[in-house]
Amino acid sequence: EVNNREALIRERTEELNDKNVSLQQEVLERQKVEQDLRNNEQQISSIFDSAPAGMAIIDTDFRYIQINETMARINGKRAADHIGRSLSEIAPTLEHMLTPLFEQILETGKPVINLDLSAEMTSRPGEVSNVTASYFPTFGESQTIRGIGAVVIDITERKRAEQALKESRQQFELAM
């Protein structure tokens, strides 16, 4: 009977050792997956933060969830001042243009690409800002729309240069 017990103990010990090895492998695999996920998140965050274009993620209530510094500069406010705030609070001069557009994107799931917008920003009264913007739906689980992504390029200086060139040509033609 002692030998049977010893055999059972050895057998059970082997089973537990095998299970322990298996669990350790699972833990190592999970740690690797978690590290890969952190690396991916850091890479995406780095791209988002260092992009030369303004980028933002806006929820279905048109509140800013995430924004990079470039977009914050375009809007004339600090990035932290955007989070949780609505489009009407951040860019009231654009709200009448963007709200119907955002509603359309949420309804259809289709992006709007390379839209040229001009507006006076509340942060720069009397100065018209020009941007080229693309807006697109962002999706969550089961492909439900979670919000709107925005990529915006400030083209104000280019528009001013084009206008100055146009005026210069007109003056030259008048002088000839």
C-alpha atoms as a PDB file:
ATOM      1  CA  GLU A   1       0.000   0.000   0.000  1.00  0.00           C
ATOM      2  CA  VAL A   2       2.908   2.347   0.727  1.00  0.00           C
ATOM      3  CA  ASN A   3       4.304   1.621  -2.739  1.00  0.00           C
ATOM      4  CA  ASN A   4       0.916   2.393  -4.289  1.00  0.00           C
ATOM      5  CA  ARG A   5       0.776   5.689  -2.470  1.00  0.00           C
ATOM      6  CA  GLU A   6       4.300   6.550  -3.507  1.00  0.00           C
ATOM      7  CA  ALA A   7       3.459   5.672  -7.114  1.00  0.00           C
ATOM      8  CA  LEU A   8       0.306   7.812  -6.958  1.00  0.00           C
ATOM      9  CA  ILE A   9       2.291  10.673  -5.436  1.00  0.00           C
ATOM     10  CA  ARG A  10       4.966  10.381  -8.143  1.00  0.00           C
ATOM     11  CA  GLU A  11       2.296  10.225 -10.842  1.00  0.00           C
ATOM     12  CA  ARG A  12       0.447  13.219  -9.428  1.00  0.00           C
ATOM     13  CA  THR A  13       3.740  15.126  -9.009  1.00  0.00           C
ATOM     14  CA  GLU A  14       4.572  14.496 -12.675  1.00  0.00           C
ATOM     15  CA  GLU A  15       1.107  15.682 -13.720  1.00  0.00           C
ATOM     16  CA  LEU A  16       1.506  18.826 -11.634  1.00  0.00           C
ATOM     17  CA  ASN A  17       4.996  19.447 -13.025  1.00  0.00           C
ATOM     18  CA  ASP A  18       3.681  19.042 -16.581  1.00  0.00           C
ATOM     19  CA  LYS A  19       0.803  21.394 -15.808  1.00  0.00           C
ATOM     20  CA  ASN A  20       3.231  23.885 -14.224  1.00  0.00           C
ATOM     21  CA  VAL A  21       5.438  23.844 -17.346  1.00  0.00           C
ATOM     22  CA  SER A  22       2.355  24.340 -19.511  1.00  0.00           C
ATOM     23  CA  LEU A  23       1.169  27.254 -17.351  1.00  0.00           C
ATOM     24  CA  GLN A  24       4.631  28.842 -17.446  1.00  0.00           C
ATOM     25  CA  GLN A  25       4.599  28.627 -21.249  1.00  0.00           C
ATOM     26  CA  GLU A  26       1.145  30.228 -21.332  1.00  0.00           C
ATOM     27  CA  VAL A  27       2.358  33.025 -19.040  1.00  0.00           C
ATOM     28  CA  LEU A  28       5.399  33.636 -21.269  1.00  0.00           C
ATOM     29  CA  GLU A  29       3.207  33.669 -24.398  1.00  0.00           C
ATOM     30  CA  ARG A  30       0.764  36.066 -22.753  1.00  0.00           C
ATOM     31  CA  GLN A  31       3.617  38.358 -21.643  1.00  0.00           C
ATOM     32  CA  LYS A  32       4.961  38.386 -25.204  1.00  0.00           C
ATOM     33  CA  VAL A  33       1.513  39.223 -26.624  1.00  0.00           C
ATOM     34  CA  GLU A  34       1.084  41.986 -24.028  1.00  0.00           C
ATOM     35  CA  GLN A  35       4.534  43.401 -24.860  1.00  0.00           C
ATOM     36  CA  ASP A  36       3.743  43.285 -28.593  1.00  0.00           C
ATOM     37  CA  LEU A  37       0.460  45.093 -27.901  1.00  0.00           C
ATOM     38  CA  ARG A  38       2.279  47.772 -25.857  1.00  0.00           C
ATOM     39  CA  ASN A  39       4.828  48.182 -28.666  1.00  0.00           C
ATOM     40  CA  ASN A  40       2.032  48.561 -31.237  1.00  0.00           C
ATOM     41  CA  GLU A  41       0.212  51.074 -29.057  1.00  0.00           C
ATOM     42  CA  GLN A  42       3.432  53.065 -28.570  1.00  0.00           C
ATOM     43  CA  GLN A  43       4.102  53.030 -32.313  1.00  0.00           C
ATOM     44  CA  ILE A  44       0.575  54.196 -33.151  1.00  0.00           C
ATOM     45  CA  SER A  45       0.745  56.841 -30.433  1.00  0.00           C
ATOM     46  CA  SER A  46       4.124  58.010 -31.738  1.00  0.00           C
ATOM     47  CA  ILE A  47       2.777  58.307 -35.288  1.00  0.00           C
ATOM     48  CA  PHE A  48      -0.296  60.149 -34.021  1.00  0.00           C
ATOM     49  CA  ASP A  49       1.714  62.530 -31.835  1.00  0.00           C
ATOM     50  CA  SER A  50       4.501  63.308 -34.290  1.00  0.00           C
ATOM     51  CA  ALA A  51       2.435  63.569 -37.472  1.00  0.00           C
ATOM     52  CA  PRO A  52       2.887  66.853 -39.356  1.00  0.00           C
ATOM     53  CA  ALA A  53      -0.870  66.814 -39.987  1.00  0.00           C
ATOM     54  CA  GLY A  54      -3.460  67.603 -37.365  1.00  0.00           C
ATOM     55  CA  MET A  55      -5.119  64.434 -36.115  1.00  0.00           C
ATOM     56  CA  ALA A  56      -8.055  63.884 -33.788  1.00  0.00           C
ATOM     57  CA  ILE A  57     -10.523  61.255 -32.713  1.00  0.00           C
ATOM     58  CA  ILE A  58     -14.002  62.509 -31.908  1.00  0.00           C
ATOM     59  CA  ASP A  59     -16.771  60.438 -30.307  1.00  0.00           C
ATOM     60  CA  THR A  60     -20.353  60.107 -31.560  1.00  0.00           C
ATOM     61  CA  ASP A  61     -21.393  63.087 -29.395  1.00  0.00           C
ATOM     62  CA  PHE A  62     -18.734  65.134 -31.226  1.00  0.00           C
ATOM     63  CA  ARG A  63     -16.463  65.389 -28.196  1.00  0.00           C
ATOM     64  CA  TYR A  64     -12.701  65.164 -28.560  1.00  0.00           C
ATOM     65  CA  ILE A  65     -11.264  61.876 -27.286  1.00  0.00           C
ATOM     66  CA  GLN A  66      -7.710  62.261 -28.572  1.00  0.00           C
ATOM     67  CA  ILE A  67      -5.863  65.024 -30.404  1.00  0.00           C
ATOM     68  CA  ASN A  68      -2.294  65.693 -31.406  1.00  0.00           C
ATOM     69  CA  GLU A  69      -0.428  68.958 -30.858  1.00  0.00           C
ATOM     70  CA  THR A  70      -0.567  69.862 -34.561  1.00  0.00           C
ATOM     71  CA  MET A  71      -4.390  69.801 -34.528  1.00  0.00           C
ATOM     72  CA  ALA A  72      -4.437  71.667 -31.232  1.00  0.00           C
ATOM     73  CA  ARG A  73      -2.300  74.436 -32.807  1.00  0.00           C
ATOM     74  CA  ILE A  74      -4.650  74.606 -35.799  1.00  0.00           C
ATOM     75  CA  ASN A  75      -7.549  75.059 -33.367  1.00  0.00           C
ATOM     76  CA  GLY A  76      -5.552  77.566 -31.317  1.00  0.00           C
ATOM     77  CA  LYS A  77      -5.886  75.702 -28.023  1.00  0.00           C
ATOM     78  CA  ARG A  78      -3.763  73.296 -25.981  1.00  0.00           C
ATOM     79  CA  ALA A  79      -4.320  69.595 -26.685  1.00  0.00           C
ATOM     80  CA  ALA A  80      -5.353  68.967 -23.072  1.00  0.00           C
ATOM     81  CA  ASP A  81      -8.039  71.657 -23.379  1.00  0.00           C
ATOM     82  CA  HIS A  82      -9.766  69.647 -26.122  1.00  0.00           C
ATOM     83  CA  ILE A  83     -10.278  66.352 -24.303  1.00  0.00           C
ATOM     84  CA  GLY A  84     -13.929  65.811 -23.391  1.00  0.00           C
ATOM     85  CA  ARG A  85     -14.946  69.107 -24.975  1.00  0.00           C
ATOM     86  CA  SER A  86     -17.435  69.332 -27.813  1.00  0.00           C
ATOM     87  CA  LEU A  87     -16.892  70.630 -31.311  1.00  0.00           C
ATOM     88  CA  SER A  88     -19.084  73.639 -30.463  1.00  0.00           C
ATOM     89  CA  GLU A  89     -16.831  74.488 -27.499  1.00  0.00           C
ATOM     90  CA  ILE A  90     -13.576  74.155 -29.414  1.00  0.00           C
ATOM     91  CA  ALA A  91     -14.443  75.390 -32.897  1.00  0.00           C
ATOM     92  CA  PRO A  92     -17.811  77.159 -32.839  1.00  0.00           C
ATOM     93  CA  THR A  93     -17.158  78.837 -36.204  1.00  0.00           C
ATOM     94  CA  LEU A  94     -16.832  75.396 -37.819  1.00  0.00           C
ATOM     95  CA  GLU A  95     -19.701  73.707 -36.001  1.00  0.00           C
ATOM     96  CA  HIS A  96     -22.352  74.648 -38.596  1.00  0.00           C
ATOM     97  CA  MET A  97     -20.192  73.089 -41.349  1.00  0.00           C
ATOM     98  CA  LEU A  98     -18.905  70.042 -39.499  1.00  0.00           C
ATOM     99  CA  THR A  99     -21.955  68.860 -37.536  1.00  0.00           C
ATOM    100  CA  PRO A 100     -23.986  67.878 -40.639  1.00  0.00           C
ATOM    101  CA  LEU A 101     -20.867  66.356 -42.158  1.00  0.00           C
ATOM    102  CA  PHE A 102     -20.149  64.306 -39.037  1.00  0.00           C
ATOM    103  CA  GLU A 103     -23.793  63.191 -38.875  1.00  0.00           C
ATOM    104  CA  GLN A 104     -23.535  62.038 -42.498  1.00  0.00           C
ATOM    105  CA  ILE A 105     -20.356  60.060 -41.737  1.00  0.00           C
ATOM    106  CA  LEU A 106     -21.982  58.386 -38.725  1.00  0.00           C
ATOM    107  CA  GLU A 107     -25.070  57.567 -40.788  1.00  0.00           C
ATOM    108  CA  THR A 108     -23.355  56.271 -43.931  1.00  0.00           C
ATOM    109  CA  GLY A 109     -20.026  55.020 -42.608  1.00  0.00           C
ATOM    110  CA  LYS A 110     -18.350  56.718 -45.575  1.00  0.00           C
ATOM    111  CA  PRO A 111     -15.380  59.097 -45.272  1.00  0.00           C
ATOM    112  CA  VAL A 112     -15.152  62.633 -46.611  1.00  0.00           C
ATOM    113  CA  ILE A 113     -11.745  63.194 -48.181  1.00  0.00           C
ATOM    114  CA  ASN A 114      -9.796  66.399 -48.947  1.00  0.00           C
ATOM    115  CA  LEU A 115     -12.454  68.907 -47.992  1.00  0.00           C
ATOM    116  CA  ASP A 116     -11.226  72.522 -48.158  1.00  0.00           C
ATOM    117  CA  LEU A 117     -12.546  74.638 -45.293  1.00  0.00           C
ATOM    118  CA  SER A 118     -12.085  78.325 -44.506  1.00  0.00           C
ATOM    119  CA  ALA A 119     -13.195  79.915 -41.273  1.00  0.00           C
ATOM    120  CA  GLU A 120     -12.304  82.511 -38.715  1.00  0.00           C
ATOM    121  CA  MET A 121     -11.102  80.691 -35.629  1.00  0.00           C
ATOM    122  CA  THR A 122     -12.195  82.038 -32.263  1.00  0.00           C
ATOM    123  CA  SER A 123      -8.556  81.872 -31.139  1.00  0.00           C
ATOM    124  CA  ARG A 124      -7.531  84.249 -33.982  1.00  0.00           C
ATOM    125  CA  PRO A 125     -10.310  86.817 -34.461  1.00  0.00           C
ATOM    126  CA  GLY A 126     -10.250  88.583 -37.803  1.00  0.00           C
ATOM    127  CA  GLU A 127      -7.929  85.994 -39.362  1.00  0.00           C
ATOM    128  CA  VAL A 128      -9.264  83.377 -41.744  1.00  0.00           C
ATOM    129  CA  SER A 129      -7.676  79.947 -41.484  1.00  0.00           C
ATOM    130  CA  ASN A 130      -7.689  77.533 -44.404  1.00  0.00           C
ATOM    131  CA  VAL A 131      -7.394  73.768 -44.048  1.00  0.00           C
ATOM    132  CA  THR A 132      -7.734  70.648 -46.109  1.00  0.00           C
ATOM    133  CA  ALA A 133      -9.448  67.997 -44.016  1.00  0.00           C
ATOM    134  CA  SER A 134     -10.398  64.363 -44.276  1.00  0.00           C
ATOM    135  CA  TYR A 135     -12.939  62.846 -41.900  1.00  0.00           C
ATOM    136  CA  PHE A 136     -13.658  59.135 -41.563  1.00  0.00           C
ATOM    137  CA  PRO A 137     -15.557  56.759 -39.311  1.00  0.00           C
ATOM    138  CA  THR A 138     -13.666  54.878 -36.609  1.00  0.00           C
ATOM    139  CA  PHE A 139     -14.889  51.415 -35.769  1.00  0.00           C
ATOM    140  CA  GLY A 140     -15.072  49.355 -32.615  1.00  0.00           C
ATOM    141  CA  GLU A 141     -15.923  45.751 -31.998  1.00  0.00           C
ATOM    142  CA  SER A 142     -18.317  44.095 -34.442  1.00  0.00           C
ATOM    143  CA  GLN A 143     -17.632  46.974 -36.869  1.00  0.00           C
ATOM    144  CA  THR A 144     -19.891  49.459 -35.083  1.00  0.00           C
ATOM    145  CA  ILE A 145     -18.987  53.097 -35.617  1.00  0.00           C
ATOM    146  CA  ARG A 146     -17.417  54.506 -32.445  1.00  0.00           C
ATOM    147  CA  GLY A 147     -16.613  57.973 -33.677  1.00  0.00           C
ATOM    148  CA  ILE A 148     -14.879  60.071 -36.276  1.00  0.00           C
ATOM    149  CA  GLY A 149     -11.223  60.369 -37.147  1.00  0.00           C
ATOM    150  CA  ALA A 150      -9.873  63.623 -38.536  1.00  0.00           C
ATOM    151  CA  VAL A 151      -6.724  64.436 -40.467  1.00  0.00           C
ATOM    152  CA  VAL A 152      -6.284  68.153 -41.107  1.00  0.00           C
ATOM    153  CA  ILE A 153      -3.561  70.091 -42.905  1.00  0.00           C
ATOM    154  CA  ASP A 154      -3.272  73.837 -42.385  1.00  0.00           C
ATOM    155  CA  ILE A 155      -2.943  75.439 -45.829  1.00  0.00           C
ATOM    156  CA  THR A 156      -3.382  79.051 -44.684  1.00  0.00           C
ATOM    157  CA  GLU A 157       0.129  80.143 -45.675  1.00  0.00           C
ATOM    158  CA  ARG A 158      -0.167  78.455 -49.063  1.00  0.00           C
ATOM    159  CA  LYS A 159      -3.494  80.221 -49.707  1.00  0.00           C
ATOM    160  CA  ARG A 160      -1.949  83.561 -48.730  1.00  0.00           C
ATOM    161  CA  ALA A 161       0.985  82.947 -51.073  1.00  0.00           C
ATOM    162  CA  GLU A 162      -1.393  82.012 -53.904  1.00  0.00           C
ATOM    163  CA  GLN A 163      -3.413  85.174 -53.297  1.00  0.00           C
ATOM    164  CA  ALA A 164      -0.267  87.337 -53.217  1.00  0.00           C
ATOM    165  CA  LEU A 165       0.916  85.769 -56.473  1.00  0.00           C
ATOM    166  CA  LYS A 166      -2.472  86.363 -58.072  1.00  0.00           C
ATOM    167  CA  GLU A 167      -2.456  90.005 -56.985  1.00  0.00           C
ATOM    168  CA  SER A 168       1.113  90.412 -58.212  1.00  0.00           C
ATOM    169  CA  ARG A 169       0.184  89.018 -61.629  1.00  0.00           C
ATOM    170  CA  GLN A 170      -2.805  91.334 -61.834  1.00  0.00           C
ATOM    171  CA  GLN A 171      -0.649  94.358 -61.007  1.00  0.00           C
ATOM    172  CA  PHE A 172       1.916  93.252 -63.574  1.00  0.00           C
ATOM    173  CA  GLU A 173      -0.761  92.867 -66.255  1.00  0.00           C
ATOM    174  CA  LEU A 174      -2.167  96.313 -65.438  1.00  0.00           C
ATOM    175  CA  ALA A 175       1.299  97.816 -65.685  1.00  0.00           C
ATOM    176  CA  MET A 176       1.873  96.281 -69.121  1.00  0.00           C
END
